[in-house]
C-alpha atoms as a PDB file:
ATOM      1  CA  ALA A   1     153.978 122.872 324.683  1.00  0.00           C
ATOM      2  CA  LEU A   2     153.344 122.248 328.358  1.00  0.00           C
ATOM      3  CA  ALA A   3     149.478 123.856 328.249  1.00  0.00           C
ATOM      4  CA  SER A   4     148.547 121.807 325.392  1.00  0.00           C
ATOM      5  CA  LEU A   5     150.043 118.731 327.322  1.00  0.00           C
ATOM      6  CA  GLY A   6     147.905 119.453 330.002  1.00  0.00           C
ATOM      7  CA  LEU A   7     144.905 119.922 328.363  1.00  0.00           C
ATOM      8  CA  ASN A   8     145.554 116.603 326.284  1.00  0.00           C
ATOM      9  CA  VAL A   9     146.056 114.512 329.375  1.00  0.00           C
ATOM     10  CA  SER A  10     143.170 116.705 331.154  1.00  0.00           C
ATOM     11  CA  ASN A  11     140.922 115.156 328.219  1.00  0.00           C
ATOM     12  CA  LEU A  12     142.566 111.727 328.601  1.00  0.00           C
ATOM     13  CA  LEU A  13     141.835 111.368 332.257  1.00  0.00           C
ATOM     14  CA  GLY A  14     138.080 112.589 332.046  1.00  0.00           C
ATOM     15  CA  VAL A  15     137.773 109.949 329.015  1.00  0.00           C
ATOM     16  CA  ALA A  16     139.207 107.516 331.645  1.00  0.00           C
ATOM     17  CA  ALA A  17     136.957 108.242 334.263  1.00  0.00           C
ATOM     18  CA  PHE A  18     133.636 108.030 331.810  1.00  0.00           C
ATOM     19  CA  SER A  19     134.534 104.729 330.653  1.00  0.00           C
ATOM     20  CA  SER A  20     134.996 103.985 334.549  1.00  0.00           C
ATOM     21  CA  ARG A  21     131.404 104.870 335.320  1.00  0.00           C
ATOM     22  CA  ALA A  22     130.189 102.905 332.181  1.00  0.00           C
ATOM     23  CA  ILE A  23     131.396  99.411 333.256  1.00  0.00           C
ATOM     24  CA  SER A  24     131.268  99.857 336.921  1.00  0.00           C
ATOM     25  CA  GLN A  25     130.736  97.049 338.759  1.00  0.00           C
ATOM     26  CA  LYS A  26     131.594  94.647 336.115  1.00  0.00           C
ATOM     27  CA  SER A  27     134.933  92.847 335.443  1.00  0.00           C
ATOM     28  CA  PHE A  28     136.924  92.535 332.299  1.00  0.00           C
ATOM     29  CA  ARG A  29     139.869  90.933 330.926  1.00  0.00           C
ATOM     30  CA  ILE A  30     141.396  91.250 327.814  1.00  0.00           C
ATOM     31  CA  ALA A  31     141.524  88.466 325.488  1.00  0.00           C
ATOM     32  CA  PRO A  32     144.595  88.101 323.462  1.00  0.00           C
ATOM     33  CA  HIS A  33     144.361  87.975 319.547  1.00  0.00           C
ATOM     34  CA  THR A  34     145.539  84.626 319.454  1.00  0.00           C
ATOM     35  CA  THR A  35     143.905  83.014 322.778  1.00  0.00           C
ATOM     36  CA  SER A  36     140.192  81.904 323.054  1.00  0.00           C
ATOM     37  CA  GLN A  37     138.918  82.541 326.420  1.00  0.00           C
ATOM     38  CA  LEU A  38     136.178  80.765 327.791  1.00  0.00           C
ATOM     39  CA  PRO A  39     133.047  83.180 328.955  1.00  0.00           C
ATOM     40  CA  VAL A  40     132.813  83.586 332.944  1.00  0.00           C
ATOM     41  CA  ALA A  41     129.349  84.113 333.846  1.00  0.00           C
ATOM     42  CA  GLY A  42     128.033  87.756 335.108  1.00  0.00           C
ATOM     43  CA  GLU A  43     131.440  89.061 333.342  1.00  0.00           C
ATOM     44  CA  MET A  44     132.189  91.429 330.291  1.00  0.00           C
ATOM     45  CA  GLN A  45     134.768  90.431 328.041  1.00  0.00           C
ATOM     46  CA  LEU A  46     136.717  92.599 325.566  1.00  0.00           C
ATOM     47  CA  VAL A  47     137.898  90.398 323.121  1.00  0.00           C
ATOM     48  CA  ASN A  48     140.704  91.425 320.522  1.00  0.00           C
ATOM     49  CA  ARG A  49     139.908  90.510 316.890  1.00  0.00           C
ATOM     50  CA  ASN A  50     141.974  91.607 314.366  1.00  0.00           C
ATOM     51  CA  THR A  51     142.831  94.207 316.274  1.00  0.00           C
ATOM     52  CA  ARG A  52     139.306  95.753 316.984  1.00  0.00           C
ATOM     53  CA  LEU A  53     138.028  95.893 320.944  1.00  0.00           C
ATOM     54  CA  PHE A  54     134.808  94.891 321.575  1.00  0.00           C
ATOM     55  CA  ALA A  55     132.583  93.546 324.491  1.00  0.00           C
ATOM     56  CA  VAL A  56     130.772  90.499 325.069  1.00  0.00           C
ATOM     57  CA  ASP A  57     128.225  90.345 327.784  1.00  0.00           C
ATOM     58  CA  ASN A  58     127.793  86.852 329.430  1.00  0.00           C
ATOM     59  CA  ASP A  59     124.482  87.865 331.197  1.00  0.00           C
ATOM     60  CA  ASP A  60     122.451  86.698 328.437  1.00  0.00           C
ATOM     61  CA  PRO A  61     122.640  83.161 328.130  1.00  0.00           C
ATOM     62  CA  ASN A  62     121.137  82.941 324.836  1.00  0.00           C
ATOM     63  CA  PRO A  63     122.458  85.654 322.508  1.00  0.00           C
ATOM     64  CA  GLY A  64     120.264  86.100 320.053  1.00  0.00           C
ATOM     65  CA  GLY A  65     118.661  83.095 320.718  1.00  0.00           C
ATOM     66  CA  LEU A  66     121.493  81.104 318.379  1.00  0.00           C
ATOM     67  CA  ASN A  67     120.567  77.448 320.888  1.00  0.00           C
ATOM     68  CA  GLN A  68     116.872  77.754 319.580  1.00  0.00           C
ATOM     69  CA  TRP A  69     117.993  77.404 315.962  1.00  0.00           C
ATOM     70  CA  GLU A  70     116.941  74.243 314.312  1.00  0.00           C
ATOM     71  CA  ASP A  71     117.670  72.933 310.539  1.00  0.00           C
ATOM     72  CA  GLU A  72     114.618  72.077 309.009  1.00  0.00           C
ATOM     73  CA  ASN A  73     116.436  68.885 308.133  1.00  0.00           C
ATOM     74  CA  ASP A  74     116.422  67.751 311.473  1.00  0.00           C
ATOM     75  CA  ARG A  75     112.795  67.951 311.618  1.00  0.00           C
ATOM     76  CA  LYS A  76     112.851  65.307 308.824  1.00  0.00           C
ATOM     77  CA  LYS A  77     111.971  61.818 309.992  1.00  0.00           C
ATOM     78  CA  SER A  78     114.472  58.843 309.117  1.00  0.00           C
ATOM     79  CA  PHE A  79     114.310  56.757 306.359  1.00  0.00           C
ATOM     80  CA  ASN A  80     113.257  54.093 308.913  1.00  0.00           C
ATOM     81  CA  GLU A  81     111.088  55.798 310.777  1.00  0.00           C
ATOM     82  CA  ILE A  82     108.349  56.433 307.647  1.00  0.00           C
ATOM     83  CA  GLY A  83     106.067  53.547 305.992  1.00  0.00           C
ATOM     84  CA  PHE A  84     106.631  51.385 303.860  1.00  0.00           C
ATOM     85  CA  PHE A  85     105.010  52.943 300.826  1.00  0.00           C
ATOM     86  CA  ASP A  86     106.316  56.280 301.711  1.00  0.00           C
ATOM     87  CA  GLN A  87     109.773  54.440 301.782  1.00  0.00           C
ATOM     88  CA  VAL A  88     108.935  53.074 298.300  1.00  0.00           C
ATOM     89  CA  GLN A  89     108.220  56.414 297.159  1.00  0.00           C
ATOM     90  CA  GLU A  90     111.317  57.966 298.422  1.00  0.00           C
ATOM     91  CA  TRP A  91     113.471  55.377 296.814  1.00  0.00           C
ATOM     92  CA  PHE A  92     111.849  55.848 293.371  1.00  0.00           C
ATOM     93  CA  ALA A  93     112.233  59.645 294.148  1.00  0.00           C
ATOM     94  CA  SER A  94     116.200  59.776 294.726  1.00  0.00           C
ATOM     95  CA  ASP A  95     118.670  59.259 291.989  1.00  0.00           C
ATOM     96  CA  GLU A  96     119.804  56.337 293.459  1.00  0.00           C
ATOM     97  CA  GLY A  97     116.519  54.926 293.057  1.00  0.00           C
ATOM     98  CA  LYS A  98     116.106  56.184 289.421  1.00  0.00           C
ATOM     99  CA  GLU A  99     119.259  54.654 288.792  1.00  0.00           C
ATOM    100  CA  ASP A 100     118.470  50.981 290.185  1.00  0.00           C
ATOM    101  CA  VAL A 101     115.010  51.304 287.989  1.00  0.00           C
ATOM    102  CA  LYS A 102     116.694  51.892 284.855  1.00  0.00           C
ATOM    103  CA  THR A 103     119.446  49.253 285.238  1.00  0.00           C
ATOM    104  CA  TYR A 104     116.532  46.795 286.301  1.00  0.00           C
ATOM    105  CA  THR A 105     114.602  47.294 283.359  1.00  0.00           C
ATOM    106  CA  THR A 106     117.251  47.274 281.034  1.00  0.00           C
ATOM    107  CA  SER A 107     118.664  43.643 282.391  1.00  0.00           C
ATOM    108  CA  LEU A 108     115.114  42.884 281.851  1.00  0.00           C
ATOM    109  CA  ALA A 109     114.031  43.875 278.486  1.00  0.00           C
ATOM    110  CA  VAL A 110     117.397  42.077 277.340  1.00  0.00           C
ATOM    111  CA  ALA A 111     116.774  39.025 279.067  1.00  0.00           C
ATOM    112  CA  LEU A 112     113.062  38.601 277.873  1.00  0.00           C
ATOM    113  CA  LEU A 113     114.098  39.186 274.238  1.00  0.00           C
ATOM    114  CA  LEU A 114     117.143  36.432 274.522  1.00  0.00           C
ATOM    115  CA  ARG A 115     114.103  34.047 275.693  1.00  0.00           C
ATOM    116  CA  LEU A 116     111.837  35.179 273.179  1.00  0.00           C
ATOM    117  CA  LEU A 117     114.046  34.795 270.493  1.00  0.00           C
ATOM    118  CA  ILE A 118     117.149  33.386 270.964  1.00  0.00           C
ATOM    119  CA  ILE A 119     117.888  30.859 273.719  1.00  0.00           C
ATOM    120  CA  GLU A 120     115.509  29.963 276.879  1.00  0.00           C
ATOM    121  CA  PRO A 121     115.752  27.311 279.581  1.00  0.00           C
ATOM    122  CA  ARG A 122     113.853  24.022 279.649  1.00  0.00           C
ATOM    123  CA  TYR A 123     113.475  21.516 282.615  1.00  0.00           C
ATOM    124  CA  ILE A 124     113.160  17.514 282.008  1.00  0.00           C
ATOM    125  CA  PRO A 125     110.009  16.443 284.098  1.00  0.00           C
ATOM    126  CA  SER A 126     109.621  12.501 283.062  1.00  0.00           C
ATOM    127  CA  LEU A 127     111.665   9.558 281.559  1.00  0.00           C
ATOM    128  CA  SER A 128     110.765   9.333 277.933  1.00  0.00           C
ATOM    129  CA  MET A 129     114.119  10.692 276.846  1.00  0.00           C
ATOM    130  CA  TYR A 130     115.976   8.534 279.258  1.00  0.00           C
ATOM    131  CA  PRO A 131     119.272   7.923 279.555  1.00  0.00           C
ATOM    132  CA  THR A 132     120.025  11.040 277.090  1.00  0.00           C
ATOM    133  CA  PHE A 133     117.868  13.040 279.601  1.00  0.00           C
ATOM    134  CA  GLU A 134     117.295  12.553 283.358  1.00  0.00           C
ATOM    135  CA  VAL A 135     114.529  13.480 285.475  1.00  0.00           C
ATOM    136  CA  GLY A 136     115.366  17.257 286.833  1.00  0.00           C
ATOM    137  CA  ASP A 137     117.892  17.997 283.699  1.00  0.00           C
ATOM    138  CA  GLN A 138     118.128  21.533 282.924  1.00  0.00           C
ATOM    139  CA  LEU A 139     118.882  22.165 279.330  1.00  0.00           C
ATOM    140  CA  ALA A 140     119.339  25.445 276.910  1.00  0.00           C
ATOM    141  CA  VAL A 141     117.527  25.459 273.792  1.00  0.00           C
ATOM    142  CA  GLU A 142     118.173  27.490 270.837  1.00  0.00           C
ATOM    143  CA  LYS A 143     115.883  29.045 268.620  1.00  0.00           C
ATOM    144  CA  VAL A 144     117.385  30.880 265.728  1.00  0.00           C
ATOM    145  CA  THR A 145     119.017  27.870 263.593  1.00  0.00           C
ATOM    146  CA  LYS A 146     115.381  26.793 262.861  1.00  0.00           C
ATOM    147  CA  ARG A 147     114.776  29.448 260.970  1.00  0.00           C
ATOM    148  CA  ILE A 148     117.746  29.114 258.605  1.00  0.00           C
ATOM    149  CA  ARG A 149     118.829  25.296 258.442  1.00  0.00           C
ATOM    150  CA  PRO A 150     116.328  22.394 258.027  1.00  0.00           C
ATOM    151  CA  PHE A 151     116.101  19.715 260.688  1.00  0.00           C
ATOM    152  CA  SER A 152     118.345  16.455 260.453  1.00  0.00           C
ATOM    153  CA  ARG A 153     118.052  12.695 261.776  1.00  0.00           C
ATOM    154  CA  ASN A 154     119.076  12.549 265.488  1.00  0.00           C
ATOM    155  CA  GLU A 155     118.315  16.533 266.633  1.00  0.00           C
ATOM    156  CA  VAL A 156     116.493  16.715 269.819  1.00  0.00           C
ATOM    157  CA  VAL A 157     114.240  19.233 269.746  1.00  0.00           C
ATOM    158  CA  VAL A 158     111.491  21.132 271.685  1.00  0.00           C
ATOM    159  CA  PHE A 159     107.945  21.767 270.558  1.00  0.00           C
ATOM    160  CA  ASN A 160     104.539  22.194 270.837  1.00  0.00           C
ATOM    161  CA  PRO A 161     102.561  19.233 271.061  1.00  0.00           C
ATOM    162  CA  PRO A 162     100.362  18.913 268.241  1.00  0.00           C
ATOM    163  CA  GLN A 163      96.550  18.599 267.743  1.00  0.00           C
ATOM    164  CA  ALA A 164      96.562  14.532 267.621  1.00  0.00           C
ATOM    165  CA  PHE A 165      98.893  14.630 271.098  1.00  0.00           C
ATOM    166  CA  ARG A 166      96.420  17.107 272.311  1.00  0.00           C
ATOM    167  CA  GLU A 167      93.357  14.637 271.561  1.00  0.00           C
ATOM    168  CA  ILE A 168      94.484  11.416 273.429  1.00  0.00           C
ATOM    169  CA  VAL A 169      95.412  13.068 276.352  1.00  0.00           C
ATOM    170  CA  GLY A 170      92.627  15.363 276.423  1.00  0.00           C
ATOM    171  CA  ASP A 171      92.521  19.293 275.585  1.00  0.00           C
ATOM    172  CA  SER A 172      91.868  20.291 279.223  1.00  0.00           C
ATOM    173  CA  SER A 173      94.666  18.129 280.625  1.00  0.00           C
ATOM    174  CA  ARG A 174      97.991  20.177 281.493  1.00  0.00           C
ATOM    175  CA  LYS A 175     100.066  18.047 279.838  1.00  0.00           C
ATOM    176  CA  ALA A 176      98.520  19.398 276.390  1.00  0.00           C
ATOM    177  CA  LYS A 177      99.575  22.680 276.940  1.00  0.00           C
ATOM    178  CA  GLU A 178     103.581  21.928 277.729  1.00  0.00           C
ATOM    179  CA  ALA A 179     106.117  21.626 275.770  1.00  0.00           C
ATOM    180  CA  LEU A 180     107.454  18.193 274.535  1.00  0.00           C
ATOM    181  CA  ILE A 181     111.052  16.999 273.768  1.00  0.00           C
ATOM    182  CA  LYS A 182     111.850  14.395 271.482  1.00  0.00           C
ATOM    183  CA  ARG A 183     114.265  13.062 268.962  1.00  0.00           C
ATOM    184  CA  ILE A 184     113.669  13.720 265.234  1.00  0.00           C
ATOM    185  CA  VAL A 185     114.394   9.945 263.580  1.00  0.00           C
ATOM    186  CA  ALA A 186     112.641  10.689 259.880  1.00  0.00           C
ATOM    187  CA  VAL A 187     112.611  14.090 258.145  1.00  0.00           C
ATOM    188  CA  GLU A 188     110.036  14.802 255.343  1.00  0.00           C
ATOM    189  CA  GLY A 189     110.535  12.310 251.975  1.00  0.00           C
ATOM    190  CA  ASP A 190     111.983   9.860 254.788  1.00  0.00           C
ATOM    191  CA  THR A 191     110.072   6.051 255.302  1.00  0.00           C
ATOM    192  CA  VAL A 192     110.406   4.363 258.420  1.00  0.00           C
ATOM    193  CA  GLU A 193     109.982   1.326 260.146  1.00  0.00           C
ATOM    194  CA  VAL A 194     110.544  -0.271 263.463  1.00  0.00           C
ATOM    195  CA  LYS A 195     110.443  -3.896 263.508  1.00  0.00           C
ATOM    196  CA  GLY A 196     112.545  -6.195 265.550  1.00  0.00           C
ATOM    197  CA  GLY A 197     113.215  -3.672 268.137  1.00  0.00           C
ATOM    198  CA  LYS A 198     115.100  -1.579 265.987  1.00  0.00           C
ATOM    199  CA  LEU A 199     114.659   1.548 263.547  1.00  0.00           C
ATOM    200  CA  TYR A 200     115.065   1.507 259.770  1.00  0.00           C
ATOM    201  CA  VAL A 201     115.043   4.564 257.663  1.00  0.00           C
ATOM    202  CA  ASN A 202     114.507   4.383 253.891  1.00  0.00           C
ATOM    203  CA  GLY A 203     115.473   0.576 254.571  1.00  0.00           C
ATOM    204  CA  VAL A 204     118.292   0.845 256.207  1.00  0.00           C
ATOM    205  CA  MET A 205     118.872  -0.138 260.349  1.00  0.00           C
ATOM    206  CA  GLN A 206     120.313   2.741 262.158  1.00  0.00           C
ATOM    207  CA  ASP A 207     122.498   2.744 265.402  1.00  0.00           C
ATOM    208  CA  GLU A 208     121.200   4.298 268.014  1.00  0.00           C
ATOM    209  CA  PRO A 209     123.282   4.056 270.935  1.00  0.00           C
ATOM    210  CA  PHE A 210     121.545   6.555 272.904  1.00  0.00           C
ATOM    211  CA  THR A 211     118.355   4.407 273.763  1.00  0.00           C
ATOM    212  CA  ALA A 212     117.435   3.026 276.514  1.00  0.00           C
ATOM    213  CA  GLU A 213     116.485  -0.298 275.076  1.00  0.00           C
ATOM    214  CA  ASP A 214     115.460  -1.572 271.972  1.00  0.00           C
ATOM    215  CA  ALA A 215     111.896  -1.271 270.818  1.00  0.00           C
ATOM    216  CA  ALA A 216     109.058  -3.697 272.144  1.00  0.00           C
ATOM    217  CA  TYR A 217     106.355  -2.738 269.674  1.00  0.00           C
ATOM    218  CA  GLU A 218     106.211  -2.701 265.733  1.00  0.00           C
ATOM    219  CA  PHE A 219     105.405   0.395 263.297  1.00  0.00           C
ATOM    220  CA  GLY A 220     105.175   1.379 259.661  1.00  0.00           C
ATOM    221  CA  PRO A 221     106.437   1.087 257.358  1.00  0.00           C
ATOM    222  CA  VAL A 222     105.263   5.084 256.466  1.00  0.00           C
ATOM    223  CA  LEU A 223     106.332   7.917 254.583  1.00  0.00           C
ATOM    224  CA  VAL A 224     106.786  11.462 256.240  1.00  0.00           C
ATOM    225  CA  PRO A 225     104.733  14.297 254.363  1.00  0.00           C
ATOM    226  CA  PRO A 226     106.522  17.514 252.984  1.00  0.00           C
ATOM    227  CA  GLY A 227     106.565  19.780 256.353  1.00  0.00           C
ATOM    228  CA  ASP A 228     106.546  17.037 259.098  1.00  0.00           C
ATOM    229  CA  VAL A 229     108.933  15.123 261.213  1.00  0.00           C
ATOM    230  CA  LEU A 230     108.780  11.945 262.781  1.00  0.00           C
ATOM    231  CA  VAL A 231     109.947  12.270 266.578  1.00  0.00           C
ATOM    232  CA  LEU A 232     110.549   9.075 268.944  1.00  0.00           C
ATOM    233  CA  GLY A 233     111.707   8.989 272.572  1.00  0.00           C
ATOM    234  CA  ASP A 234     115.153   7.852 273.851  1.00  0.00           C
ATOM    235  CA  ASN A 235     113.141   5.846 275.969  1.00  0.00           C
ATOM    236  CA  ARG A 236     110.954   4.038 273.230  1.00  0.00           C
ATOM    237  CA  ASN A 237     108.896   1.620 275.465  1.00  0.00           C
ATOM    238  CA  HIS A 238     108.134   4.686 277.874  1.00  0.00           C
ATOM    239  CA  SER A 239     107.646   7.622 275.722  1.00  0.00           C
ATOM    240  CA  LEU A 240     104.195   8.850 274.537  1.00  0.00           C
ATOM    241  CA  ASP A 241     105.727   9.867 270.799  1.00  0.00           C
ATOM    242  CA  GLY A 242     105.262   9.642 267.163  1.00  0.00           C
ATOM    243  CA  HIS A 243     104.491   5.605 266.912  1.00  0.00           C
ATOM    244  CA  ILE A 244     101.266   6.406 268.868  1.00  0.00           C
ATOM    245  CA  TRP A 245     100.038  10.283 267.649  1.00  0.00           C
ATOM    246  CA  GLY A 246     101.989  10.525 264.242  1.00  0.00           C
ATOM    247  CA  PHE A 247     103.977  13.163 262.503  1.00  0.00           C
ATOM    248  CA  LEU A 248     105.251  16.736 263.780  1.00  0.00           C
ATOM    249  CA  PRO A 249     104.447  19.538 261.900  1.00  0.00           C
ATOM    250  CA  ALA A 250     107.881  21.183 261.625  1.00  0.00           C
ATOM    251  CA  GLU A 251     106.593  24.645 262.586  1.00  0.00           C
ATOM    252  CA  ASN A 252     105.628  23.161 265.866  1.00  0.00           C
ATOM    253  CA  VAL A 253     109.134  23.011 266.823  1.00  0.00           C
ATOM    254  CA  ILE A 254     110.456  25.535 268.997  1.00  0.00           C
ATOM    255  CA  GLY A 255     114.210  25.180 268.985  1.00  0.00           C
ATOM    256  CA  ARG A 256     117.093  22.732 269.318  1.00  0.00           C
ATOM    257  CA  ALA A 257     118.504  21.405 272.397  1.00  0.00           C
ATOM    258  CA  VAL A 258     121.910  22.052 272.918  1.00  0.00           C
ATOM    259  CA  PHE A 259     123.302  21.122 276.271  1.00  0.00           C
ATOM    260  CA  VAL A 260     122.521  20.969 279.960  1.00  0.00           C
ATOM    261  CA  TYR A 261     123.469  23.431 282.295  1.00  0.00           C
ATOM    262  CA  TRP A 262     122.435  21.895 285.366  1.00  0.00           C
ATOM    263  CA  PRO A 263     123.277  19.861 287.709  1.00  0.00           C
ATOM    264  CA  PRO A 264     126.882  20.559 287.604  1.00  0.00           C
ATOM    265  CA  TRP A 265     128.063  16.838 287.126  1.00  0.00           C
ATOM    266  CA  ARG A 266     125.520  16.377 283.897  1.00  0.00           C
ATOM    267  CA  VAL A 267     126.634  19.559 282.457  1.00  0.00           C
ATOM    268  CA  GLY A 268     127.345  19.055 278.565  1.00  0.00           C
ATOM    269  CA  THR A 269     126.231  17.833 275.596  1.00  0.00           C
ATOM    270  CA  ASN A 270     126.310  14.008 275.538  1.00  0.00           C
ATOM    271  CA  GLY A 271     123.646  12.467 273.375  1.00  0.00           C
ATOM    272  CA  MET A 272     122.095  15.523 271.352  1.00  0.00           C
ATOM    273  CA  TYR A 273     123.598  15.246 268.056  1.00  0.00           C
END
């Protein structure tokens, strides 16, 4: 037993001597498993990780070349560094851009559909309908009910000008292409007359609180033909209307004026029947 013990001691001493020569001129320290040690230049560390010993040579300032490693994304230019058209292209290609385009396209399609078939805004450019409307008023014109119910007296309508109006102002005039707004005073089959400043329909004088003043002209009597209406401006003496250019084909009507929405202090349906 003693001989065997002596042999083992001798082997251990031999291993120790070999290890001492292998790491000669290098100092080392053992890093505990739970403690992080900063590397010291020119020395070798023995680090214990999960009970395994390994040497870290600190002579190499760049082990494995890791400090030269570069992410591919780091080489990309930022959004603000690229050109405008590249920014637009990148935005369209992004998920956010695709979602925004879808939202905007849907909103635009709905808005155009509403304006084409249901309701549209209109702007008052003159005083021909004063005092019901003033210059700058903006109103909503609905375009549905004209298809399902006939027009009635006293309704305010927006319409495309008839041929007789275009001949008066000139076909090349800008006014010949603009929609007009007037009030229906008589429908097909009515007999209309203006005398003594008052409007008579079928021999009955009409109560018109929405007019600015009595008419200063005489008109009629005339019979409104089928498919037509007669329209006059509320500002009777300052309106280029049916008493000058005649009857309006009902098919020219774009829609009925339903309410003023701008400016805020004029919001409402005052004077619209």
